[in-house]
Amino acid sequence: MKHKVMGVINLIHETDELDRLTQGRCLATVPFGGRYRMIDFALSSMVNSGISKVAIFAHTKYRSLMDHVGSGKPWDLNHRQSGLFVLPPATDDIQEISRGDLYHFYQHRDYFNRSSLDYVVITRSHMVCNIDFEPVIQAHLDRAADITVVCKQQSEPILGKARKVKMDEDGRITAIQDHFGRMVSDIHSMEMYIMRKDLLMELVETSLAQGQDHLVRHAIFSRLDKLNVQAYMYEGYLGVVNTLSSYYHNNMNLLKPEVWKELFFQPGSIYTKVKDEPPARYLESSKVSNSLVANGCRIEGTVTGSILFRGVHIRKGAVVKNSIIMQNGIIGENSFISHSILDKDVEVESARDIRGVESSPFLAGKRKII
């Protein structure tokens, strides 16, 4: 990237309605698409855009996050001076941890102040997309914007929860709603913000001095009349994944070849933690159609319209339809699974019949035996 930009992935107080999928992990590390995690999209987009210094502001349940990102090597972020930085809360006090993202930015202000980079790209982890930030930065400069917000115009409903925005004919944002507002608009914020680093630090200190500690609700929303906040319209595929329904449907959308190719390879590839697994094995009794099957799977039964993560075993006579089976899941002989989400290490015993519906899939938590 020709501009001097640092990346921030903000995990503080992300809207999370994924039920048992986030019982022991943060939203950023929820498995997605057979072998990925949610945070892979934000990390890969930044790296593909030439951003080589990225900070992840962790909040709660971040053990799996530390395990997944490690030193940042899969994203080529394991550098001595730049690279990947995971910044957990600077305190153990529950009341302090529960405060907004501006407070946590302030606690790690040395990270920002010691950097010579001029601009900051702030994202969340629940926006599933593949975006090049270079034209976003260029549009930010061309419009002399104080803040640029990446937005998506979409008339059909977005299944996850996202802020709606309104803008004037010049692209300036005039109103932003909270997640549960009733604004009438088909323009949705993708929770991606570009601004100068010194402006971010000014907003942090000014807002905290006024008893306000949320970036969007306090620092941006209350200053729309004072700051030039511009919208950048994103044209690619977007999945807002912070509810169970949106998680299921955005995974199922990956079975459409055009969605898969766009999301994972355009404009750049999506990277993830590498695990050495043998190829999937399809025995003579297996029947598989319109499904994503990861390495290490062993299939003896029937799989239709489903996503199987690494190491899943579908035993003889078992039928899996329109379902998501996560890592090391076992489906017993002659069992029937439909419209279900099974977390890691779930075992379904023989001759079980489990059926959800598309609007409300059945969910089994990690390591459950059914």
Protein backbone atom coordinates (compact mmCIF):
# COMPACT_ATOMS: atom_id res chain seq x y z
CA MET A 1 0.00 0.00 0.00
CA LYS A 2 1.41 3.37 -1.02
CA HIS A 3 -0.26 5.09 1.95
CA LYS A 4 1.06 4.63 5.48
CA VAL A 5 -1.78 2.70 7.10
CA MET A 6 -2.15 0.54 10.19
CA GLY A 7 -4.98 -1.93 10.76
CA VAL A 8 -7.17 -2.39 13.85
CA ILE A 9 -9.58 -5.30 14.25
CA ASN A 10 -11.93 -4.23 17.01
CA LEU A 11 -13.48 -7.16 18.93
CA ILE A 12 -14.79 -5.05 21.81
CA HIS A 13 -18.55 -5.43 22.39
CA GLU A 14 -19.30 -7.03 19.02
CA THR A 15 -22.97 -7.92 18.66
CA ASP A 16 -23.07 -11.67 19.29
CA GLU A 17 -26.21 -13.76 19.09
CA LEU A 18 -24.69 -17.10 18.10
CA ASP A 19 -25.88 -18.90 21.22
CA ARG A 20 -23.66 -21.89 22.14
CA LEU A 21 -21.27 -21.29 19.23
CA THR A 22 -19.71 -18.47 21.26
CA GLN A 23 -20.08 -20.03 24.68
CA GLY A 24 -16.36 -20.74 24.94
CA ARG A 25 -14.93 -18.62 22.11
CA CYS A 26 -15.23 -15.07 20.83
CA LEU A 27 -17.14 -14.30 17.64
CA ALA A 28 -13.88 -13.74 15.76
CA THR A 29 -12.88 -17.41 16.05
CA VAL A 30 -16.19 -19.05 15.19
CA PRO A 31 -15.44 -21.65 12.46
CA PHE A 32 -16.72 -20.73 9.01
CA GLY A 33 -16.75 -22.26 5.55
CA GLY A 34 -15.16 -25.64 6.27
CA ARG A 35 -11.69 -24.57 7.37
CA TYR A 36 -11.68 -20.85 8.18
CA ARG A 37 -12.47 -18.60 11.15
CA MET A 38 -14.46 -15.38 11.02
CA ILE A 39 -11.43 -13.16 11.65
CA ASP A 40 -9.62 -14.56 8.60
CA PHE A 41 -11.57 -12.27 6.28
CA ALA A 42 -10.55 -9.03 7.99
CA LEU A 43 -6.94 -10.18 8.43
CA SER A 44 -6.56 -11.38 4.85
CA SER A 45 -8.19 -8.26 3.37
CA MET A 46 -5.76 -6.05 5.27
CA VAL A 47 -2.72 -8.08 4.25
CA ASN A 48 -3.82 -8.25 0.61
CA SER A 49 -4.22 -4.46 0.70
CA GLY A 50 -0.60 -4.01 1.77
CA ILE A 51 -1.29 -3.30 5.46
CA SER A 52 1.59 -4.91 7.34
CA LYS A 53 0.87 -3.72 10.88
CA VAL A 54 -2.35 -5.03 12.42
CA ALA A 55 -3.60 -4.88 16.01
CA ILE A 56 -6.40 -7.10 17.29
CA PHE A 57 -8.15 -5.54 20.27
CA ALA A 58 -9.30 -8.66 22.11
CA HIS A 59 -11.99 -8.43 24.75
CA THR A 60 -13.31 -11.66 26.27
CA LYS A 61 -12.94 -15.42 25.63
CA TYR A 62 -9.82 -14.84 23.56
CA ARG A 63 -7.87 -18.06 24.29
CA SER A 64 -8.98 -19.59 20.98
CA LEU A 65 -8.08 -16.31 19.25
CA MET A 66 -4.51 -16.51 20.54
CA ASP A 67 -4.30 -20.13 19.42
CA HIS A 68 -5.62 -19.38 15.94
CA VAL A 69 -3.64 -16.27 14.98
CA GLY A 70 -0.42 -17.23 16.78
CA SER A 71 2.46 -15.13 15.48
CA GLY A 72 0.53 -14.18 12.35
CA LYS A 73 2.62 -16.38 10.04
CA PRO A 74 -0.26 -17.65 7.82
CA TRP A 75 -0.96 -13.99 6.94
CA ASP A 76 2.73 -13.06 6.61
CA LEU A 77 2.46 -10.86 9.69
CA ASN A 78 5.25 -12.41 11.75
CA HIS A 79 7.64 -9.48 11.44
CA ARG A 80 9.86 -7.97 14.08
CA GLN A 81 8.95 -4.29 13.72
CA SER A 82 5.48 -4.40 12.18
CA GLY A 83 3.35 -7.53 11.99
CA LEU A 84 0.50 -8.74 14.22
CA PHE A 85 -0.25 -7.52 17.74
CA VAL A 86 -2.95 -9.02 19.98
CA LEU A 87 -3.92 -6.47 22.65
CA PRO A 88 -6.14 -7.88 25.42
CA PRO A 89 -7.73 -5.63 28.08
CA ALA A 90 -5.10 -3.85 30.17
CA THR A 91 -6.97 -4.58 33.41
CA ASP A 92 -8.70 -7.47 35.18
CA ASP A 93 -11.36 -5.24 36.74
CA ILE A 94 -14.79 -6.34 35.47
CA GLN A 95 -16.20 -2.80 35.48
CA GLU A 96 -13.25 -1.52 33.45
CA ILE A 97 -13.43 -4.41 30.96
CA SER A 98 -17.12 -3.68 30.37
CA ARG A 99 -16.40 -0.14 29.20
CA GLY A 100 -16.47 0.87 25.52
CA ASP A 101 -13.85 0.52 22.81
CA LEU A 102 -12.55 4.10 23.18
CA TYR A 103 -11.51 3.32 26.74
CA HIS A 104 -9.57 0.26 25.59
CA PHE A 105 -7.96 2.23 22.75
CA TYR A 106 -6.84 4.75 25.37
CA GLN A 107 -5.36 2.01 27.57
CA HIS A 108 -3.21 0.97 24.60
CA ARG A 109 -2.51 4.49 23.33
CA ASP A 110 1.24 3.82 23.32
CA TYR A 111 0.67 1.33 20.51
CA PHE A 112 -0.76 4.13 18.35
CA ASN A 113 1.58 6.89 19.49
CA ARG A 114 4.77 4.93 18.84
CA SER A 115 3.81 4.20 15.24
CA SER A 116 4.89 6.45 12.37
CA LEU A 117 1.90 5.40 10.25
CA ASP A 118 -0.55 8.16 9.40
CA TYR A 119 -3.89 6.39 8.86
CA VAL A 120 -5.95 3.77 10.67
CA VAL A 121 -8.36 1.23 9.19
CA ILE A 122 -10.71 -0.05 11.91
CA THR A 123 -12.83 -3.15 11.21
CA ARG A 124 -14.92 -5.75 13.02
CA SER A 125 -14.71 -9.53 12.63
CA HIS A 126 -18.34 -10.30 11.79
CA MET A 127 -18.33 -8.80 8.30
CA VAL A 128 -17.66 -11.65 5.87
CA CYS A 129 -16.22 -10.03 2.75
CA ASN A 130 -13.09 -9.75 0.64
CA ILE A 131 -12.22 -6.07 0.22
CA ASP A 132 -9.30 -4.07 -1.14
CA PHE A 133 -8.69 -1.10 1.16
CA GLU A 134 -6.42 0.75 -1.30
CA PRO A 135 -9.27 2.38 -3.30
CA VAL A 136 -11.06 3.14 -0.02
CA ILE A 137 -8.04 5.09 1.22
CA GLN A 138 -7.74 6.88 -2.12
CA ALA A 139 -11.42 7.88 -2.04
CA HIS A 140 -10.91 9.09 1.55
CA LEU A 141 -8.13 11.41 0.37
CA ASP A 142 -9.88 12.56 -2.80
CA ARG A 143 -12.95 13.67 -0.83
CA ALA A 144 -10.90 15.31 1.93
CA ALA A 145 -12.92 13.24 4.40
CA ASP A 146 -12.32 13.23 8.14
CA ILE A 147 -13.77 9.71 8.40
CA THR A 148 -14.78 7.27 5.66
CA VAL A 149 -17.27 4.51 6.43
CA VAL A 150 -17.43 1.48 4.13
CA CYS A 151 -21.10 0.77 3.33
CA LYS A 152 -23.15 -1.71 1.33
CA GLN A 153 -26.38 -0.86 -0.45
CA GLN A 154 -28.66 -3.89 -0.42
CA SER A 155 -32.43 -3.88 -0.85
CA GLU A 156 -33.01 -7.47 0.32
CA PRO A 157 -32.83 -8.02 4.09
CA ILE A 158 -29.42 -8.58 5.72
CA LEU A 159 -29.92 -11.49 8.10
CA GLY A 160 -27.38 -10.31 10.63
CA LYS A 161 -27.60 -7.10 12.67
CA ALA A 162 -26.00 -4.04 11.11
CA ARG A 163 -26.31 -0.29 11.44
CA LYS A 164 -28.22 1.53 8.71
CA VAL A 165 -27.02 4.92 7.50
CA LYS A 166 -28.36 7.82 5.48
CA MET A 167 -26.30 10.06 3.23
CA ASP A 168 -26.81 13.11 1.02
CA GLU A 169 -26.25 13.40 -2.72
CA ASP A 170 -22.55 14.14 -2.14
CA GLY A 171 -21.98 10.89 -0.26
CA ARG A 172 -21.74 12.54 3.16
CA ILE A 173 -23.31 10.51 5.94
CA THR A 174 -26.06 12.46 7.69
CA ALA A 175 -27.42 9.83 10.09
CA ILE A 176 -26.32 6.53 11.64
CA GLN A 177 -28.61 4.25 13.62
CA ASP A 178 -27.74 1.76 16.30
CA HIS A 179 -28.17 -1.98 15.71
CA PHE A 180 -31.78 -2.02 16.89
CA GLY A 181 -33.03 1.22 15.34
CA ARG A 182 -35.91 1.64 12.88
CA MET A 183 -34.26 3.81 10.25
CA VAL A 184 -35.69 3.36 6.75
CA SER A 185 -32.66 2.88 4.52
CA ASP A 186 -31.13 0.18 2.32
CA ILE A 187 -27.58 1.36 3.03
CA HIS A 188 -25.79 -0.63 5.74
CA SER A 189 -22.58 0.23 7.56
CA MET A 190 -19.91 -2.49 7.27
CA GLU A 191 -18.29 -1.25 10.52
CA MET A 192 -15.12 -0.29 8.64
CA TYR A 193 -13.76 3.17 9.39
CA ILE A 194 -10.80 5.01 7.86
CA MET A 195 -9.34 8.12 9.47
CA ARG A 196 -6.08 9.77 10.37
CA LYS A 197 -4.44 8.30 13.44
CA ASP A 198 -4.15 11.67 15.15
CA LEU A 199 -7.90 12.27 14.64
CA LEU A 200 -8.64 8.91 16.26
CA MET A 201 -6.48 9.80 19.26
CA GLU A 202 -8.19 13.19 19.51
CA LEU A 203 -11.64 11.53 19.44
CA VAL A 204 -10.52 9.05 22.11
CA GLU A 205 -9.32 11.70 24.54
CA THR A 206 -12.15 14.19 23.89
CA SER A 207 -14.90 11.61 24.21
CA LEU A 208 -13.48 10.04 27.38
CA ALA A 209 -13.17 13.50 28.93
CA GLN A 210 -16.91 13.92 28.32
CA GLY A 211 -17.75 10.56 29.87
CA GLN A 212 -18.31 8.86 26.51
CA ASP A 213 -16.46 5.69 25.55
CA HIS A 214 -18.00 4.19 22.36
CA LEU A 215 -16.43 4.91 18.97
CA VAL A 216 -19.54 4.92 16.78
CA ARG A 217 -22.29 5.88 19.22
CA HIS A 218 -20.36 8.70 20.87
CA ALA A 219 -17.27 9.76 18.90
CA ILE A 220 -18.73 9.56 15.37
CA PHE A 221 -22.54 9.73 15.62
CA SER A 222 -22.55 12.81 17.86
CA ARG A 223 -20.13 14.67 15.54
CA LEU A 224 -21.76 14.11 12.14
CA ASP A 225 -22.47 17.84 11.87
CA LYS A 226 -18.86 18.76 12.67
CA LEU A 227 -16.88 16.09 10.81
CA ASN A 228 -16.90 15.27 7.11
CA VAL A 229 -17.98 11.61 7.35
CA GLN A 230 -18.13 10.07 3.88
CA ALA A 231 -19.58 6.75 2.70
CA TYR A 232 -17.62 4.42 0.42
CA MET A 233 -19.95 2.00 -1.37
CA TYR A 234 -18.68 -1.60 -1.49
CA GLU A 235 -19.89 -3.65 -4.46
CA GLY A 236 -18.75 -7.18 -3.55
CA TYR A 237 -20.32 -10.00 -1.54
CA LEU A 238 -21.15 -9.20 2.08
CA GLY A 239 -22.34 -11.47 4.85
CA VAL A 240 -23.18 -9.94 8.24
CA VAL A 241 -22.67 -12.85 10.61
CA ASN A 242 -23.62 -12.12 14.22
CA THR A 243 -26.84 -14.13 14.64
CA LEU A 244 -27.40 -17.88 14.39
CA SER A 245 -29.67 -17.49 11.37
CA SER A 246 -27.13 -15.33 9.51
CA TYR A 247 -24.35 -17.81 10.36
CA TYR A 248 -26.29 -20.71 8.88
CA HIS A 249 -27.42 -18.90 5.73
CA ASN A 250 -24.05 -17.35 4.92
CA ASN A 251 -22.39 -20.75 5.23
CA MET A 252 -25.01 -22.26 2.94
CA ASN A 253 -24.40 -19.47 0.41
CA LEU A 254 -20.88 -20.82 -0.03
CA LEU A 255 -22.37 -23.80 -1.89
CA LYS A 256 -23.03 -21.39 -4.77
CA PRO A 257 -19.85 -21.50 -6.90
CA GLU A 258 -20.04 -17.81 -7.81
CA VAL A 259 -20.20 -16.78 -4.12
CA TRP A 260 -17.34 -19.14 -3.18
CA LYS A 261 -15.04 -17.84 -5.92
CA GLU A 262 -15.77 -14.18 -5.22
CA LEU A 263 -15.49 -14.39 -1.45
CA PHE A 264 -12.33 -16.47 -1.20
CA PHE A 265 -10.32 -15.40 -4.24
CA GLN A 266 -11.32 -11.88 -5.39
CA PRO A 267 -9.55 -9.50 -5.13
CA GLY A 268 -7.14 -11.67 -3.13
CA SER A 269 -7.03 -15.03 -1.37
CA ILE A 270 -8.36 -15.60 2.15
CA TYR A 271 -5.73 -17.17 4.41
CA THR A 272 -6.12 -19.21 7.57
CA LYS A 273 -4.12 -21.26 10.04
CA VAL A 274 -2.53 -24.18 8.23
CA LYS A 275 -3.21 -27.70 9.49
CA ASP A 276 -1.68 -30.75 7.84
CA GLU A 277 -4.48 -33.19 7.14
CA PRO A 278 -4.70 -36.05 4.62
CA PRO A 279 -7.20 -35.71 1.75
CA ALA A 280 -10.82 -36.62 2.40
CA ARG A 281 -11.65 -40.31 1.88
CA TYR A 282 -14.78 -41.34 0.00
CA LEU A 283 -15.61 -45.02 0.48
CA GLU A 284 -17.61 -47.05 -2.02
CA SER A 285 -20.84 -46.59 -0.05
CA SER A 286 -20.53 -42.77 -0.01
CA LYS A 287 -22.70 -40.35 -1.97
CA VAL A 288 -21.79 -36.65 -1.90
CA SER A 289 -23.40 -33.79 -3.83
CA ASN A 290 -23.28 -29.97 -3.69
CA SER A 291 -21.17 -29.92 -0.53
CA LEU A 292 -17.91 -28.50 0.83
CA VAL A 293 -15.75 -31.25 2.32
CA ALA A 294 -12.50 -30.35 4.12
CA ASN A 295 -9.34 -32.42 4.41
CA GLY A 296 -9.24 -35.35 6.81
CA CYS A 297 -12.91 -36.34 6.40
CA ARG A 298 -13.99 -39.96 6.05
CA ILE A 299 -17.33 -40.42 4.30
CA GLU A 300 -19.19 -43.71 4.14
CA GLY A 301 -22.76 -42.35 4.04
CA THR A 302 -24.68 -39.67 2.12
CA VAL A 303 -23.93 -35.93 2.24
CA THR A 304 -26.09 -33.40 0.39
CA GLY A 305 -25.94 -29.60 0.45
CA SER A 306 -23.73 -29.53 3.55
CA ILE A 307 -20.40 -28.22 4.88
CA LEU A 308 -18.02 -30.64 6.59
CA PHE A 309 -15.01 -29.29 8.49
CA ARG A 310 -11.73 -31.13 8.97
CA GLY A 311 -11.76 -34.68 10.33
CA VAL A 312 -15.53 -35.33 10.14
CA HIS A 313 -16.58 -38.99 9.94
CA ILE A 314 -19.90 -39.86 8.29
CA ARG A 315 -20.49 -43.55 8.99
CA LYS A 316 -22.22 -46.08 6.76
CA GLY A 317 -25.92 -45.51 6.20
CA ALA A 318 -25.86 -42.01 7.73
CA VAL A 319 -27.52 -39.15 5.84
CA VAL A 320 -26.51 -35.49 6.29
CA LYS A 321 -28.55 -32.82 4.50
CA ASN A 322 -28.31 -29.01 4.56
CA SER A 323 -26.14 -29.07 7.68
CA ILE A 324 -22.84 -27.79 9.07
CA ILE A 325 -20.67 -30.38 10.82
CA MET A 326 -17.60 -28.89 12.48
CA GLN A 327 -14.19 -30.40 13.14
CA ASN A 328 -13.94 -34.05 14.22
CA GLY A 329 -17.71 -34.56 14.26
CA ILE A 330 -18.94 -38.15 14.08
CA ILE A 331 -22.30 -39.13 12.59
CA GLY A 332 -23.25 -42.67 13.60
CA GLU A 333 -24.56 -45.39 11.33
CA ASN A 334 -28.05 -44.93 9.90
CA SER A 335 -28.52 -41.52 11.55
CA PHE A 336 -30.33 -38.70 9.75
CA ILE A 337 -29.21 -35.07 10.17
CA SER A 338 -31.05 -32.17 8.51
CA HIS A 339 -30.78 -28.36 8.85
CA SER A 340 -28.40 -28.66 11.81
CA ILE A 341 -25.23 -27.04 13.12
CA LEU A 342 -22.97 -29.37 15.11
CA ASP A 343 -20.00 -27.74 16.86
CA LYS A 344 -16.55 -29.33 17.20
CA ASP A 345 -16.20 -32.89 18.51
CA VAL A 346 -19.95 -33.60 18.54
CA GLU A 347 -20.83 -37.29 18.28
CA VAL A 348 -24.21 -38.47 17.03
CA GLU A 349 -24.82 -42.10 17.97
CA SER A 350 -26.33 -44.69 15.62
CA ALA A 351 -29.92 -44.45 14.36
CA ARG A 352 -30.57 -40.91 15.59
CA ASP A 353 -32.96 -38.56 13.76
CA ILE A 354 -32.13 -34.84 14.13
CA ARG A 355 -34.07 -32.25 12.16
CA GLY A 356 -34.10 -28.49 12.31
CA VAL A 357 -35.66 -26.05 9.88
CA GLU A 358 -34.02 -23.49 7.60
CA SER A 359 -35.21 -20.53 9.66
CA SER A 360 -34.18 -22.16 12.96
CA PRO A 361 -31.48 -24.82 12.56
CA PHE A 362 -30.82 -27.33 15.32
CA LEU A 363 -27.65 -26.46 17.26
CA ALA A 364 -25.48 -28.82 19.29
CA GLY A 365 -22.71 -27.38 21.47
CA LYS A 366 -19.08 -28.47 21.52
CA ARG A 367 -18.30 -32.08 22.52
CA LYS A 368 -21.94 -33.01 22.96
CA ILE A 369 -23.00 -36.67 22.56
CA ILE A 370 -26.42 -37.15 21.03
